[in-house]
C-alpha cells in the first residue's frame, strides 16, 4: 500500500492498521548499528541547564560512570532555562548512569526501553 492509497482509505481502520503493520515489518528489516541486528536501547531523559558547559559536563559524567552512549537527542524548553537530553544506552548502562547521575545531583527521569517499558 502506498501513501496515496492510505489517504483514500483513511476512514477504514483495517486499511490504516495494515499500512502501519507493513511499515513496522519494513522497519524491522532495516539493519541495526553497523549492519548488525537492531538493539533494544533504553532511553534516559536528563534535564540540563541551558548554559555553557552542561553538555560537556554530562559527557564527563558518562565517562566517569564508564557507559557508552549509542545515540542522543536534545530538546529545548521555550522560555525556560533548561533542556532535555535523552541518551540511548544499553539497559545496564542506563541503570548505571541513572544511579550515578542521581548521586551527583542531576535531574534524571526513569529510563524507558525502545519497547516502552521503564526499568
C-alpha atoms as a PDB file:
ATOM      1  CA  UNK A   1       0.000   0.000   0.000  1.00  0.00           C
ATOM      2  CA  UNK A   2       1.319   3.443  -0.859  1.00  0.00           C
ATOM      3  CA  UNK A   3       0.607   6.819   0.736  1.00  0.00           C
ATOM      4  CA  UNK A   4      -1.983   7.783  -1.896  1.00  0.00           C
ATOM      5  CA  UNK A   5      -3.946   4.604  -1.127  1.00  0.00           C
ATOM      6  CA  UNK A   6      -3.749   5.320   2.578  1.00  0.00           C
ATOM      7  CA  UNK A   7      -5.155   8.804   2.038  1.00  0.00           C
ATOM      8  CA  UNK A   8      -8.071   7.369   0.027  1.00  0.00           C
ATOM      9  CA  UNK A   9      -8.786   4.766   2.727  1.00  0.00           C
ATOM     10  CA  UNK A  10      -8.063   6.880   5.813  1.00  0.00           C
ATOM     11  CA  UNK A  11     -11.541   6.207   7.222  1.00  0.00           C
ATOM     12  CA  UNK A  12     -11.091   2.420   7.034  1.00  0.00           C
ATOM     13  CA  UNK A  13      -9.478   1.236  10.275  1.00  0.00           C
ATOM     14  CA  UNK A  14      -8.383  -2.088   8.772  1.00  0.00           C
ATOM     15  CA  UNK A  15      -6.575  -0.361   5.893  1.00  0.00           C
ATOM     16  CA  UNK A  16      -4.814   2.019   8.279  1.00  0.00           C
ATOM     17  CA  UNK A  17      -3.851  -0.902  10.565  1.00  0.00           C
ATOM     18  CA  UNK A  18      -2.475  -2.815   7.575  1.00  0.00           C
ATOM     19  CA  UNK A  19      -0.469   0.218   6.465  1.00  0.00           C
ATOM     20  CA  UNK A  20       1.040   0.581   9.939  1.00  0.00           C
ATOM     21  CA  UNK A  21       1.803  -3.152  10.194  1.00  0.00           C
ATOM     22  CA  UNK A  22       3.541  -3.123   6.801  1.00  0.00           C
ATOM     23  CA  UNK A  23       5.608  -0.127   7.910  1.00  0.00           C
ATOM     24  CA  UNK A  24       6.633  -1.910  11.108  1.00  0.00           C
ATOM     25  CA  UNK A  25       7.610  -5.012   9.124  1.00  0.00           C
ATOM     26  CA  UNK A  26       9.684  -2.877   6.773  1.00  0.00           C
ATOM     27  CA  UNK A  27      11.397  -1.110   9.668  1.00  0.00           C
ATOM     28  CA  UNK A  28      12.239  -4.463  11.266  1.00  0.00           C
ATOM     29  CA  UNK A  29      14.180  -5.429   8.119  1.00  0.00           C
ATOM     30  CA  UNK A  30      16.497  -2.396   8.374  1.00  0.00           C
ATOM     31  CA  UNK A  31      19.811  -3.492   9.909  1.00  0.00           C
ATOM     32  CA  UNK A  32      20.921  -2.039  13.230  1.00  0.00           C
ATOM     33  CA  UNK A  33      24.165  -0.314  14.096  1.00  0.00           C
ATOM     34  CA  UNK A  34      26.996  -1.227  11.713  1.00  0.00           C
ATOM     35  CA  UNK A  35      24.702  -3.604   9.806  1.00  0.00           C
ATOM     36  CA  UNK A  36      24.062  -5.776  12.855  1.00  0.00           C
ATOM     37  CA  UNK A  37      20.761  -6.788  14.328  1.00  0.00           C
ATOM     38  CA  UNK A  38      18.682  -3.975  15.808  1.00  0.00           C
ATOM     39  CA  UNK A  39      19.146  -3.488  19.558  1.00  0.00           C
ATOM     40  CA  UNK A  40      16.597  -2.612  22.189  1.00  0.00           C
ATOM     41  CA  UNK A  41      18.018   0.594  23.620  1.00  0.00           C
ATOM     42  CA  UNK A  42      16.967   2.214  26.842  1.00  0.00           C
ATOM     43  CA  UNK A  43      16.366   5.949  26.743  1.00  0.00           C
ATOM     44  CA  UNK A  44      17.484   8.005  29.724  1.00  0.00           C
ATOM     45  CA  UNK A  45      15.996  11.541  29.821  1.00  0.00           C
ATOM     46  CA  UNK A  46      18.124  14.063  31.723  1.00  0.00           C
ATOM     47  CA  UNK A  47      17.239  17.690  32.448  1.00  0.00           C
ATOM     48  CA  UNK A  48      20.149  20.029  31.749  1.00  0.00           C
ATOM     49  CA  UNK A  49      20.544  23.727  32.366  1.00  0.00           C
ATOM     50  CA  UNK A  50      20.728  25.900  29.279  1.00  0.00           C
ATOM     51  CA  UNK A  51      24.181  27.307  29.913  1.00  0.00           C
ATOM     52  CA  UNK A  52      27.694  26.755  28.568  1.00  0.00           C
ATOM     53  CA  UNK A  53      29.456  23.543  29.532  1.00  0.00           C
ATOM     54  CA  UNK A  54      26.462  21.468  30.589  1.00  0.00           C
ATOM     55  CA  UNK A  55      26.646  19.012  27.714  1.00  0.00           C
ATOM     56  CA  UNK A  56      30.377  18.627  28.270  1.00  0.00           C
ATOM     57  CA  UNK A  57      29.772  18.039  31.990  1.00  0.00           C
ATOM     58  CA  UNK A  58      27.213  15.353  31.180  1.00  0.00           C
ATOM     59  CA  UNK A  59      29.601  13.579  28.816  1.00  0.00           C
ATOM     60  CA  UNK A  60      32.291  13.668  31.507  1.00  0.00           C
ATOM     61  CA  UNK A  61      29.834  12.037  33.913  1.00  0.00           C
ATOM     62  CA  UNK A  62      29.225   9.311  31.295  1.00  0.00           C
ATOM     63  CA  UNK A  63      32.971   8.739  31.086  1.00  0.00           C
ATOM     64  CA  UNK A  64      33.283   8.546  34.881  1.00  0.00           C
ATOM     65  CA  UNK A  65      30.412   6.048  35.018  1.00  0.00           C
ATOM     66  CA  UNK A  66      32.102   4.099  32.190  1.00  0.00           C
ATOM     67  CA  UNK A  67      28.995   3.951  29.979  1.00  0.00           C
ATOM     68  CA  UNK A  68      28.697   4.037  26.205  1.00  0.00           C
ATOM     69  CA  UNK A  69      26.213   6.436  24.580  1.00  0.00           C
ATOM     70  CA  UNK A  70      24.685   4.878  21.466  1.00  0.00           C
ATOM     71  CA  UNK A  71      22.651   7.918  20.393  1.00  0.00           C
ATOM     72  CA  UNK A  72      21.167  11.117  21.800  1.00  0.00           C
ATOM     73  CA  UNK A  73      18.533  13.762  21.215  1.00  0.00           C
ATOM     74  CA  UNK A  74      18.219  17.262  22.630  1.00  0.00           C
ATOM     75  CA  UNK A  75      15.014  19.206  23.205  1.00  0.00           C
ATOM     76  CA  UNK A  76      14.890  22.822  24.299  1.00  0.00           C
ATOM     77  CA  UNK A  77      12.166  24.221  26.534  1.00  0.00           C
ATOM     78  CA  UNK A  78      10.987  27.527  25.049  1.00  0.00           C
ATOM     79  CA  UNK A  79      11.002  30.284  27.624  1.00  0.00           C
ATOM     80  CA  UNK A  80      12.834  28.176  30.205  1.00  0.00           C
ATOM     81  CA  UNK A  81      16.469  27.851  31.115  1.00  0.00           C
ATOM     82  CA  UNK A  82      16.522  24.068  30.807  1.00  0.00           C
ATOM     83  CA  UNK A  83      16.555  21.464  28.114  1.00  0.00           C
ATOM     84  CA  UNK A  84      16.101  17.718  27.964  1.00  0.00           C
ATOM     85  CA  UNK A  85      18.794  15.446  26.616  1.00  0.00           C
ATOM     86  CA  UNK A  86      17.805  11.837  26.064  1.00  0.00           C
ATOM     87  CA  UNK A  87      20.607   9.292  25.865  1.00  0.00           C
ATOM     88  CA  UNK A  88      20.217   5.884  24.191  1.00  0.00           C
ATOM     89  CA  UNK A  89      22.145   3.224  26.112  1.00  0.00           C
ATOM     90  CA  UNK A  90      22.147  -0.471  26.858  1.00  0.00           C
ATOM     91  CA  UNK A  91      19.896  -1.454  29.756  1.00  0.00           C
ATOM     92  CA  UNK A  92      22.812  -1.988  32.144  1.00  0.00           C
ATOM     93  CA  UNK A  93      24.445   1.315  31.135  1.00  0.00           C
ATOM     94  CA  UNK A  94      21.127   3.173  31.545  1.00  0.00           C
ATOM     95  CA  UNK A  95      20.709   1.775  35.053  1.00  0.00           C
ATOM     96  CA  UNK A  96      24.311   2.519  35.972  1.00  0.00           C
ATOM     97  CA  UNK A  97      24.245   6.060  34.574  1.00  0.00           C
ATOM     98  CA  UNK A  98      20.881   6.935  36.147  1.00  0.00           C
ATOM     99  CA  UNK A  99      22.188   5.912  39.557  1.00  0.00           C
ATOM    100  CA  UNK A 100      25.492   7.732  39.028  1.00  0.00           C
ATOM    101  CA  UNK A 101      23.859  10.964  37.855  1.00  0.00           C
ATOM    102  CA  UNK A 102      21.273  10.981  40.643  1.00  0.00           C
ATOM    103  CA  UNK A 103      24.041  10.590  43.217  1.00  0.00           C
ATOM    104  CA  UNK A 104      25.747  13.617  41.657  1.00  0.00           C
ATOM    105  CA  UNK A 105      22.626  15.822  41.812  1.00  0.00           C
ATOM    106  CA  UNK A 106      21.435  15.597  38.191  1.00  0.00           C
ATOM    107  CA  UNK A 107      17.696  15.638  37.433  1.00  0.00           C
ATOM    108  CA  UNK A 108      17.150  12.240  35.797  1.00  0.00           C
ATOM    109  CA  UNK A 109      13.864  10.699  34.652  1.00  0.00           C
ATOM    110  CA  UNK A 110      13.178   6.945  34.623  1.00  0.00           C
ATOM    111  CA  UNK A 111      14.814   5.128  31.690  1.00  0.00           C
ATOM    112  CA  UNK A 112      12.422   3.592  29.141  1.00  0.00           C
ATOM    113  CA  UNK A 113      13.121   0.826  26.680  1.00  0.00           C
ATOM    114  CA  UNK A 114      12.534   1.368  22.986  1.00  0.00           C
ATOM    115  CA  UNK A 115       9.634  -1.029  23.583  1.00  0.00           C
ATOM    116  CA  UNK A 116       8.134   1.479  26.045  1.00  0.00           C
ATOM    117  CA  UNK A 117       8.696  -0.182  29.407  1.00  0.00           C
ATOM    118  CA  UNK A 118      10.525   1.526  32.267  1.00  0.00           C
ATOM    119  CA  UNK A 119      13.346  -0.114  34.170  1.00  0.00           C
END
